[in-house]
Amino acid sequence: MQQQRSNCNNILCIYSSSQTYTSTVFEHLYAFKQYSKLSWSYLDIISFNANLVDIHTYDALVIHYSVRIPFGQIAGLALKNLRNFNGVKILFIQDEYDNTNEVKRVINEIPFELVFSVVPEKSIEKIYPSSEFPRTKFISNLTGYVPDGLLHQVGFLAPPSKRSIIIAYRGRPLPVRYGRLGKEKVAIGQYVKNYCQTHGISCDIDWDESSRIYGDDWYKFIGSSKAMLGTESGSNVFDWNGDLQSSIDRYSKEMPNAQEEDIYQDIIREREIDGLMNQVSPRVFEMAAAKTIMVLFEGSYSGVLEPGIHFLPLKKDFSNLDRIMAELKDGVKMDAMAERVYKDIILSEKYSYQIFIEMVDGEIQKMLNAKMQSRSALGLIPSDKVTSFPIRSKPPLPVLRSPFAKALGRLAITIWQQIPLSLRPYIKKLMGRI
């Protein structure tokens, strides 16, 4: 339900419209417009960097996590304008393990009064010591929440016991620099897919980038199987100074026969701090809404899920996979688990975007009150670059089905990954992806 707007506080959200093809990114942005009692507008990072809008009549500026602070997506005049902005400055940030010291420098230089971080609350002091940030309040939040339209998107589905596919999964191969949590996303798919094929179990498991599914097709996919695999998100490898990739490249050049495990043991392992950044993925909310049984690697999942109650915990050595597959055959037990998860996670609304935005509103309002001023009375200067809603972009690549098309897709992805992050939004606009 749309919330009644306040007429006195205008918020300008700077975001990257090239990233909104991912449902979780768009839903996060849209939730502010949908639920906030403040008045939100949106400006693409390209227009912000080009200084096309007068930001100084707004009461607060929000930099959204779709703008990659660690990689210099805000620079030059835009950075100066941000520093000179006298309203409340707020940052939503994710992937804080990338070039962490640069992130910390920017937070202090601006400075941001409020930072919504996905670093777990128990780890915030380790990453952002309060002694280094006397002007900034850090608030731990999840990477995503339950969007209002999720139940409609999922639609009516048969109970898990009536679905023909036993287990499904879509993962994504991540570079070795992201450590064990990154490797697990492929490892779980590889092992379970091989197990299913060996034992004649119906599955739909893949981890190739070209096999990824977007939009409404993704929700249909989640609801097509009895169970779905999953792992914790995040990375416990912190690239503090942004030099990790160059160290890996140098090592690979000196040791051309080195395997990923060699790179991990010789370079990555010493940087990895177990348990520092393990996070629950928004995918668990999608599975809960679809009443799809979760088969997840053992983990804490940000305290959202309880093993045995909300998911079937899979040991990371797969030693209990036989038992889990046997449990999946118990239709009555699995249907009951799916209903319990649906009630605890979805119907309770504990993890809804509405509850999240109410918290965000409260924190922003405190900061606005502390400023004891409002620029909204001056009147906003109209601009066709500022939109009332975030712009939804298209996926960077179509879903590819044939082996030849997948091979082309992998080549395109390899080339794309060599392009600096700061240039990608401009290239996507030229390609007509948004």
Protein backbone atom coordinates (compact mmCIF):
# COMPACT_ATOMS: atom_id res chain seq x y z
CA MET A 1 0.00 0.00 0.00
CA GLN A 2 1.29 3.47 -0.89
CA GLN A 3 2.17 5.55 2.18
CA GLN A 4 1.01 9.14 2.68
CA ARG A 5 3.84 11.49 1.76
CA SER A 6 5.29 14.26 3.87
CA ASN A 7 5.31 17.59 2.04
CA CYS A 8 8.38 18.96 3.79
CA ASN A 9 11.22 16.50 3.19
CA ASN A 10 12.46 15.72 -0.31
CA ILE A 11 14.97 12.93 -0.83
CA LEU A 12 17.02 12.53 -4.02
CA CYS A 13 18.27 9.01 -4.60
CA ILE A 14 21.32 8.60 -6.85
CA TYR A 15 21.36 5.14 -8.42
CA SER A 16 22.61 3.24 -11.46
CA SER A 17 19.71 2.48 -13.79
CA SER A 18 21.94 0.03 -15.68
CA GLN A 19 21.72 -2.35 -12.69
CA THR A 20 17.95 -2.48 -12.25
CA TYR A 21 17.41 -5.48 -14.56
CA THR A 22 18.10 -7.54 -11.41
CA SER A 23 14.84 -7.84 -9.50
CA THR A 24 16.42 -7.42 -6.06
CA VAL A 25 18.06 -4.12 -7.08
CA PHE A 26 14.87 -2.69 -8.59
CA GLU A 27 12.71 -3.87 -5.68
CA HIS A 28 15.05 -2.24 -3.17
CA LEU A 29 14.89 1.08 -5.02
CA TYR A 30 11.16 0.95 -5.63
CA ALA A 31 10.38 0.16 -1.98
CA PHE A 32 11.34 3.70 -0.94
CA LYS A 33 8.78 5.19 -3.29
CA GLN A 34 6.20 2.61 -2.30
CA TYR A 35 6.44 2.78 1.49
CA SER A 36 8.34 5.88 2.63
CA LYS A 37 6.49 8.79 4.20
CA LEU A 38 9.19 11.05 2.79
CA SER A 39 9.12 12.29 -0.81
CA TRP A 40 11.61 10.33 -2.97
CA SER A 41 12.89 11.14 -6.45
CA TYR A 42 15.51 9.30 -8.50
CA LEU A 43 18.52 10.42 -10.53
CA ASP A 44 20.78 8.19 -12.60
CA ILE A 45 24.48 8.29 -11.71
CA ILE A 46 25.43 9.40 -15.23
CA SER A 47 23.29 12.54 -14.93
CA PHE A 48 24.61 13.15 -11.42
CA ASN A 49 28.23 12.90 -12.55
CA ALA A 50 27.45 15.26 -15.44
CA ASN A 51 26.12 17.84 -12.94
CA LEU A 52 22.80 18.11 -14.80
CA VAL A 53 20.64 18.65 -11.70
CA ASP A 54 20.78 21.20 -8.88
CA ILE A 55 20.96 18.97 -5.80
CA HIS A 56 21.04 21.75 -3.22
CA THR A 57 17.27 22.22 -2.92
CA TYR A 58 16.83 18.67 -1.59
CA ASP A 59 16.80 17.89 2.12
CA ALA A 60 18.75 14.65 1.80
CA LEU A 61 20.81 12.80 -0.77
CA VAL A 62 20.93 9.00 -0.88
CA ILE A 63 23.65 7.13 -2.73
CA HIS A 64 22.26 3.70 -3.54
CA TYR A 65 24.36 0.53 -3.52
CA SER A 66 23.86 0.13 -7.29
CA VAL A 67 26.45 2.94 -7.55
CA ARG A 68 29.82 1.28 -6.95
CA ILE A 69 31.68 3.57 -4.55
CA PRO A 70 34.69 1.19 -4.28
CA PHE A 71 35.39 1.58 -7.99
CA GLY A 72 35.15 5.35 -8.28
CA GLN A 73 31.74 5.67 -9.93
CA ILE A 74 31.37 9.04 -8.21
CA ALA A 75 34.30 11.30 -8.98
CA GLY A 76 35.43 14.79 -9.95
CA LEU A 77 32.86 17.58 -9.81
CA ALA A 78 30.12 15.22 -8.60
CA LEU A 79 32.21 14.23 -5.60
CA LYS A 80 32.87 17.91 -4.85
CA ASN A 81 29.14 18.71 -5.11
CA LEU A 82 28.37 15.85 -2.75
CA ARG A 83 30.89 17.14 -0.22
CA ASN A 84 29.40 20.65 -0.45
CA PHE A 85 25.81 19.47 -0.05
CA ASN A 86 24.50 20.78 3.29
CA GLY A 87 21.59 18.39 3.72
CA VAL A 88 21.66 14.89 5.17
CA LYS A 89 23.93 12.51 3.26
CA ILE A 90 23.07 8.82 3.31
CA LEU A 91 24.79 5.79 1.83
CA PHE A 92 23.42 2.32 1.15
CA ILE A 93 26.33 0.03 0.41
CA GLN A 94 26.92 -3.64 -0.32
CA ASP A 95 29.95 -5.71 -1.36
CA GLU A 96 32.00 -3.87 1.25
CA TYR A 97 34.86 -6.33 0.90
CA ASP A 98 35.90 -4.61 -2.37
CA ASN A 99 38.51 -1.85 -1.98
CA THR A 100 37.36 -1.33 1.59
CA ASN A 101 39.78 1.45 2.53
CA GLU A 102 38.59 3.52 -0.45
CA VAL A 103 35.01 3.10 0.78
CA LYS A 104 36.07 4.21 4.27
CA ARG A 105 37.92 7.20 2.84
CA VAL A 106 34.88 8.37 0.85
CA ILE A 107 32.54 7.90 3.82
CA ASN A 108 34.76 10.17 5.92
CA GLU A 109 35.50 12.65 3.14
CA ILE A 110 31.87 13.37 2.22
CA PRO A 111 31.01 12.73 5.14
CA PHE A 112 27.95 10.50 5.20
CA GLU A 113 25.89 10.87 8.38
CA LEU A 114 24.06 7.58 7.83
CA VAL A 115 25.44 4.39 6.30
CA PHE A 116 23.21 1.36 5.82
CA SER A 117 25.68 -1.51 5.64
CA VAL A 118 25.26 -5.23 5.01
CA VAL A 119 28.15 -5.98 7.35
CA PRO A 120 26.54 -8.04 10.15
CA GLU A 121 26.03 -6.02 13.31
CA LYS A 122 28.57 -8.13 15.24
CA SER A 123 31.26 -7.26 12.66
CA ILE A 124 30.62 -3.53 12.07
CA GLU A 125 33.12 -2.37 14.68
CA LYS A 126 35.80 -4.56 13.05
CA ILE A 127 35.26 -2.99 9.63
CA TYR A 128 34.22 0.53 10.65
CA PRO A 129 35.78 1.31 14.05
CA SER A 130 33.75 4.03 15.78
CA SER A 131 36.96 5.88 16.59
CA GLU A 132 37.54 6.40 12.84
CA PHE A 133 33.98 7.56 12.10
CA PRO A 134 32.87 10.04 14.77
CA ARG A 135 30.38 11.72 12.39
CA THR A 136 28.75 8.59 10.95
CA LYS A 137 26.09 6.21 12.23
CA PHE A 138 26.28 2.69 10.80
CA ILE A 139 23.16 0.53 10.63
CA SER A 140 23.32 -3.14 9.67
CA ASN A 141 20.61 -4.31 7.29
CA LEU A 142 19.96 -7.26 5.00
CA THR A 143 20.87 -7.32 1.31
CA GLY A 144 17.17 -7.45 0.45
CA TYR A 145 13.70 -7.96 1.90
CA VAL A 146 10.31 -9.38 0.94
CA PRO A 147 8.81 -7.17 -1.79
CA ASP A 148 5.10 -6.39 -1.64
CA GLY A 149 4.38 -7.98 -5.03
CA LEU A 150 6.28 -11.20 -4.41
CA LEU A 151 3.21 -13.33 -3.70
CA HIS A 152 1.54 -12.04 -6.85
CA GLN A 153 4.68 -12.75 -8.89
CA VAL A 154 4.95 -16.26 -7.52
CA GLY A 155 1.24 -16.91 -8.00
CA PHE A 156 -0.67 -20.02 -6.99
CA LEU A 157 1.59 -23.06 -6.92
CA ALA A 158 1.16 -26.73 -6.25
CA PRO A 159 2.56 -27.89 -2.88
CA PRO A 160 6.13 -29.21 -3.00
CA SER A 161 4.99 -32.84 -2.87
CA LYS A 162 3.14 -32.40 -6.18
CA ARG A 163 6.03 -30.92 -8.19
CA SER A 164 7.81 -33.09 -10.73
CA ILE A 165 11.32 -31.61 -10.50
CA ILE A 166 12.94 -32.70 -7.23
CA ILE A 167 15.66 -30.10 -6.90
CA ALA A 168 16.70 -26.97 -8.82
CA TYR A 169 19.40 -24.33 -8.66
CA ARG A 170 20.97 -21.44 -10.48
CA GLY A 171 24.37 -20.29 -9.25
CA ARG A 172 27.06 -18.01 -10.51
CA PRO A 173 30.78 -18.70 -10.79
CA LEU A 174 32.70 -16.07 -8.85
CA PRO A 175 36.42 -15.28 -9.13
CA VAL A 176 38.69 -16.99 -6.61
CA ARG A 177 39.25 -13.61 -4.94
CA TYR A 178 35.88 -13.95 -3.19
CA GLY A 179 37.09 -16.95 -1.22
CA ARG A 180 35.23 -19.96 0.12
CA LEU A 181 31.75 -18.44 0.13
CA GLY A 182 32.16 -17.64 -3.57
CA LYS A 183 33.42 -21.13 -4.42
CA GLU A 184 30.49 -22.72 -2.59
CA LYS A 185 28.01 -21.27 -5.08
CA VAL A 186 29.37 -23.53 -7.81
CA ALA A 187 30.49 -26.44 -5.60
CA ILE A 188 27.00 -27.12 -4.28
CA GLY A 189 25.54 -27.20 -7.80
CA GLN A 190 28.28 -29.39 -9.25
CA TYR A 191 28.10 -32.05 -6.56
CA VAL A 192 24.32 -32.27 -6.28
CA LYS A 193 23.81 -32.25 -10.05
CA ASN A 194 26.26 -35.14 -10.42
CA TYR A 195 24.52 -36.95 -7.56
CA CYS A 196 21.09 -36.50 -9.16
CA GLN A 197 22.28 -37.66 -12.57
CA THR A 198 23.94 -40.74 -11.01
CA HIS A 199 20.81 -41.67 -9.04
CA GLY A 200 18.24 -40.79 -11.70
CA ILE A 201 16.75 -37.89 -9.72
CA SER A 202 14.94 -35.18 -11.67
CA CYS A 203 16.81 -31.89 -11.37
CA ASP A 204 17.37 -28.54 -13.10
CA ILE A 205 20.75 -27.34 -11.85
CA ASP A 206 23.18 -24.99 -13.57
CA TRP A 207 25.75 -22.36 -12.66
CA ASP A 208 26.71 -21.01 -16.06
CA GLU A 209 26.22 -17.27 -16.48
CA SER A 210 24.33 -17.79 -19.74
CA SER A 211 21.79 -20.04 -18.00
CA ARG A 212 20.62 -17.37 -15.57
CA ILE A 213 16.91 -16.53 -15.52
CA TYR A 214 15.33 -13.10 -15.05
CA GLY A 215 11.96 -11.46 -14.42
CA ASP A 216 8.76 -13.47 -14.25
CA ASP A 217 10.54 -16.54 -15.62
CA TRP A 218 12.68 -16.59 -12.48
CA TYR A 219 9.66 -16.86 -10.19
CA LYS A 220 8.21 -19.62 -12.36
CA PHE A 221 11.52 -21.45 -12.08
CA ILE A 222 11.59 -21.24 -8.28
CA GLY A 223 8.09 -22.66 -8.06
CA SER A 224 8.75 -25.48 -10.53
CA SER A 225 10.67 -27.76 -8.17
CA LYS A 226 10.13 -29.40 -4.82
CA ALA A 227 13.41 -28.04 -3.44
CA MET A 228 16.12 -25.56 -4.28
CA LEU A 229 19.78 -25.39 -3.28
CA GLY A 230 21.36 -22.37 -1.65
CA THR A 231 24.38 -21.02 0.19
CA GLU A 232 25.21 -17.99 2.30
CA SER A 233 26.10 -14.84 0.42
CA GLY A 234 28.94 -12.38 0.84
CA SER A 235 32.70 -12.74 1.02
CA ASN A 236 35.01 -13.01 4.00
CA VAL A 237 37.99 -11.91 1.91
CA PHE A 238 38.54 -8.17 2.34
CA ASP A 239 40.48 -6.41 -0.40
CA TRP A 240 41.41 -3.53 1.88
CA ASN A 241 43.60 -1.58 -0.54
CA GLY A 242 42.23 -2.69 -3.90
CA ASP A 243 45.41 -4.58 -4.73
CA LEU A 244 44.16 -8.15 -4.44
CA GLN A 245 43.45 -8.67 -8.15
CA SER A 246 46.86 -7.33 -9.16
CA SER A 247 48.46 -9.75 -6.67
CA ILE A 248 46.51 -12.61 -8.24
CA ASP A 249 47.47 -11.51 -11.76
CA ARG A 250 51.13 -11.25 -10.79
CA TYR A 251 51.06 -14.69 -9.18
CA SER A 252 49.34 -16.23 -12.22
CA LYS A 253 51.96 -14.73 -14.52
CA GLU A 254 54.81 -16.07 -12.41
CA MET A 255 53.08 -19.45 -11.92
CA PRO A 256 51.29 -20.12 -15.25
CA ASN A 257 50.35 -23.68 -14.25
CA ALA A 258 48.79 -22.63 -10.95
CA GLN A 259 45.23 -23.80 -10.27
CA GLU A 260 42.57 -21.80 -8.41
CA GLU A 261 43.26 -23.78 -5.24
CA ASP A 262 46.93 -22.78 -5.44
CA ILE A 263 45.93 -19.12 -5.74
CA TYR A 264 43.59 -19.50 -2.80
CA GLN A 265 46.17 -21.15 -0.55
CA ASP A 266 49.04 -18.80 -1.44
CA ILE A 267 47.22 -15.44 -1.69
CA ILE A 268 43.58 -15.53 -0.59
CA ARG A 269 43.61 -17.72 2.50
CA GLU A 270 45.52 -15.30 4.74
CA ARG A 271 43.01 -12.54 3.93
CA GLU A 272 39.92 -14.62 4.68
CA ILE A 273 38.25 -14.19 8.08
CA ASP A 274 35.65 -16.91 8.61
CA GLY A 275 32.21 -15.74 9.70
CA LEU A 276 32.88 -12.03 9.21
CA MET A 277 30.45 -11.31 6.35
CA ASN A 278 28.22 -14.39 5.96
CA GLN A 279 24.79 -13.09 4.95
CA VAL A 280 21.38 -14.37 4.03
CA SER A 281 20.46 -13.91 0.36
CA PRO A 282 17.12 -12.39 -0.74
CA ARG A 283 16.64 -15.65 -2.63
CA VAL A 284 15.50 -17.32 0.60
CA PHE A 285 12.48 -14.99 0.67
CA GLU A 286 11.61 -15.96 -2.88
CA MET A 287 11.85 -19.66 -2.00
CA ALA A 288 9.76 -19.12 1.14
CA ALA A 289 7.04 -17.31 -0.86
CA ALA A 290 7.03 -20.09 -3.48
CA LYS A 291 6.81 -22.73 -0.70
CA THR A 292 9.90 -24.37 -2.17
CA ILE A 293 11.94 -26.46 0.27
CA MET A 294 15.36 -24.97 0.96
CA VAL A 295 18.36 -27.30 0.90
CA LEU A 296 21.11 -25.02 2.14
CA PHE A 297 24.71 -25.41 3.20
CA GLU A 298 25.01 -25.20 6.98
CA GLY A 299 25.23 -21.58 8.16
CA SER A 300 23.69 -18.85 10.30
CA TYR A 301 21.79 -17.05 7.48
CA SER A 302 21.72 -13.76 9.42
CA GLY A 303 19.50 -15.35 12.06
CA VAL A 304 16.55 -15.39 9.65
CA LEU A 305 16.37 -19.19 9.23
CA GLU A 306 16.61 -22.03 11.72
CA PRO A 307 18.09 -25.36 10.52
CA GLY A 308 15.63 -28.23 10.53
CA ILE A 309 12.77 -25.78 11.05
CA HIS A 310 13.06 -23.61 7.95
CA PHE A 311 15.58 -25.48 5.80
CA LEU A 312 17.32 -28.82 5.38
CA PRO A 313 20.96 -28.22 6.40
CA LEU A 314 23.42 -29.79 3.95
CA LYS A 315 26.89 -30.48 5.27
CA LYS A 316 29.63 -28.93 3.18
CA ASP A 317 31.26 -32.33 2.66
CA PHE A 318 27.87 -33.62 1.39
CA SER A 319 28.02 -36.52 3.86
CA ASN A 320 24.30 -36.20 4.68
CA LEU A 321 23.03 -35.78 1.12
CA ASP A 322 21.56 -39.30 1.08
CA ARG A 323 19.50 -38.48 4.17
CA ILE A 324 18.29 -35.18 2.72
CA MET A 325 17.19 -36.85 -0.50
CA ALA A 326 15.29 -39.39 1.57
CA GLU A 327 13.60 -36.59 3.52
CA LEU A 328 12.50 -34.94 0.29
CA LYS A 329 10.50 -38.08 -0.50
CA ASP A 330 8.33 -37.52 2.59
CA GLY A 331 5.64 -35.36 0.98
CA VAL A 332 3.66 -34.75 4.17
CA LYS A 333 6.73 -33.59 6.10
CA MET A 334 7.98 -31.36 3.25
CA ASP A 335 4.59 -29.74 2.68
CA ALA A 336 4.40 -29.00 6.42
CA MET A 337 7.88 -27.46 6.37
CA ALA A 338 6.97 -25.28 3.38
CA GLU A 339 3.84 -24.00 5.16
CA ARG A 340 5.81 -23.31 8.35
CA VAL A 341 8.44 -21.30 6.48
CA TYR A 342 5.73 -19.41 4.61
CA LYS A 343 4.05 -18.48 7.89
CA ASP A 344 7.24 -17.56 9.79
CA ILE A 345 9.06 -15.66 7.04
CA ILE A 346 6.39 -14.28 4.70
CA LEU A 347 3.09 -13.93 6.58
CA SER A 348 4.79 -12.60 9.72
CA GLU A 349 6.02 -9.60 7.66
CA LYS A 350 9.12 -9.43 9.90
CA TYR A 351 11.26 -9.15 6.78
CA SER A 352 8.93 -7.08 4.62
CA TYR A 353 10.12 -4.00 2.79
CA GLN A 354 7.43 -2.00 4.55
CA ILE A 355 8.93 -2.71 7.99
CA PHE A 356 12.43 -2.02 6.63
CA ILE A 357 11.42 1.34 5.12
CA GLU A 358 9.70 2.37 8.35
CA MET A 359 13.04 1.87 10.10
CA VAL A 360 14.91 3.80 7.39
CA ASP A 361 12.38 6.65 7.55
CA GLY A 362 12.85 6.90 11.29
CA GLU A 363 16.64 7.13 11.02
CA ILE A 364 16.52 9.70 8.22
CA GLN A 365 13.93 11.78 10.06
CA LYS A 366 16.16 11.92 13.14
CA MET A 367 19.00 13.27 11.00
CA LEU A 368 16.71 15.79 9.29
CA ASN A 369 15.42 16.99 12.65
CA ALA A 370 18.99 17.37 13.91
CA LYS A 371 19.77 19.62 10.93
CA MET A 372 16.87 21.86 12.03
CA GLN A 373 16.30 23.07 8.50
CA SER A 374 14.44 22.25 5.32
CA ARG A 375 15.36 23.39 1.85
CA SER A 376 12.07 22.15 0.40
CA ALA A 377 10.47 25.53 1.03
CA LEU A 378 12.83 26.93 -1.56
CA GLY A 379 11.16 24.78 -4.19
CA LEU A 380 12.69 22.05 -6.31
CA ILE A 381 14.06 23.00 -9.70
CA PRO A 382 12.34 20.78 -12.31
CA SER A 383 14.54 18.53 -14.41
CA ASP A 384 13.68 15.84 -16.94
CA LYS A 385 16.64 13.88 -15.55
CA VAL A 386 14.91 13.40 -12.18
CA THR A 387 12.22 10.72 -12.20
CA SER A 388 9.48 9.86 -9.73
CA PHE A 389 10.30 6.16 -9.96
CA PRO A 390 13.47 4.16 -10.63
CA ILE A 391 13.94 3.12 -14.26
CA ARG A 392 13.88 -0.63 -14.95
CA SER A 393 16.58 -1.82 -17.35
CA LYS A 394 16.82 -4.98 -19.45
CA PRO A 395 19.16 -7.90 -18.70
CA PRO A 396 22.68 -7.40 -20.11
CA LEU A 397 22.37 -10.59 -22.16
CA PRO A 398 19.42 -12.68 -23.34
CA VAL A 399 18.99 -16.14 -21.81
CA LEU A 400 20.93 -18.51 -24.07
CA ARG A 401 19.80 -22.09 -24.60
CA SER A 402 21.86 -23.86 -27.28
CA PRO A 403 25.49 -24.94 -26.62
CA PHE A 404 26.72 -22.63 -29.42
CA ALA A 405 24.79 -19.68 -28.01
CA LYS A 406 26.10 -20.42 -24.52
CA ALA A 407 29.67 -20.48 -25.85
CA LEU A 408 29.12 -17.07 -27.43
CA GLY A 409 27.61 -15.87 -24.19
CA ARG A 410 30.66 -16.98 -22.20
CA LEU A 411 32.94 -15.16 -24.65
CA ALA A 412 30.87 -11.98 -24.34
CA ILE A 413 30.94 -12.22 -20.54
CA THR A 414 34.73 -12.67 -20.55
CA ILE A 415 35.13 -9.54 -22.66
CA TRP A 416 32.62 -7.64 -20.53
CA GLN A 417 34.47 -8.48 -17.31
CA GLN A 418 37.61 -6.81 -18.67
CA ILE A 419 35.80 -3.47 -19.01
CA PRO A 420 36.24 -1.13 -15.99
CA LEU A 421 33.10 -0.88 -13.84
CA SER A 422 33.07 2.91 -14.18
CA LEU A 423 32.60 2.61 -17.97
CA ARG A 424 29.93 -0.10 -18.04
CA PRO A 425 26.85 2.13 -17.48
CA TYR A 426 27.85 4.33 -20.45
CA ILE A 427 28.38 1.30 -22.70
CA LYS A 428 25.01 -0.15 -21.69
CA LYS A 429 23.30 3.10 -22.63
CA LEU A 430 25.02 3.08 -26.03
CA MET A 431 23.87 -0.53 -26.53
CA GLY A 432 20.31 0.47 -25.77
CA ARG A 433 20.05 -1.83 -22.78
CA ILE A 434 17.98 0.68 -20.82
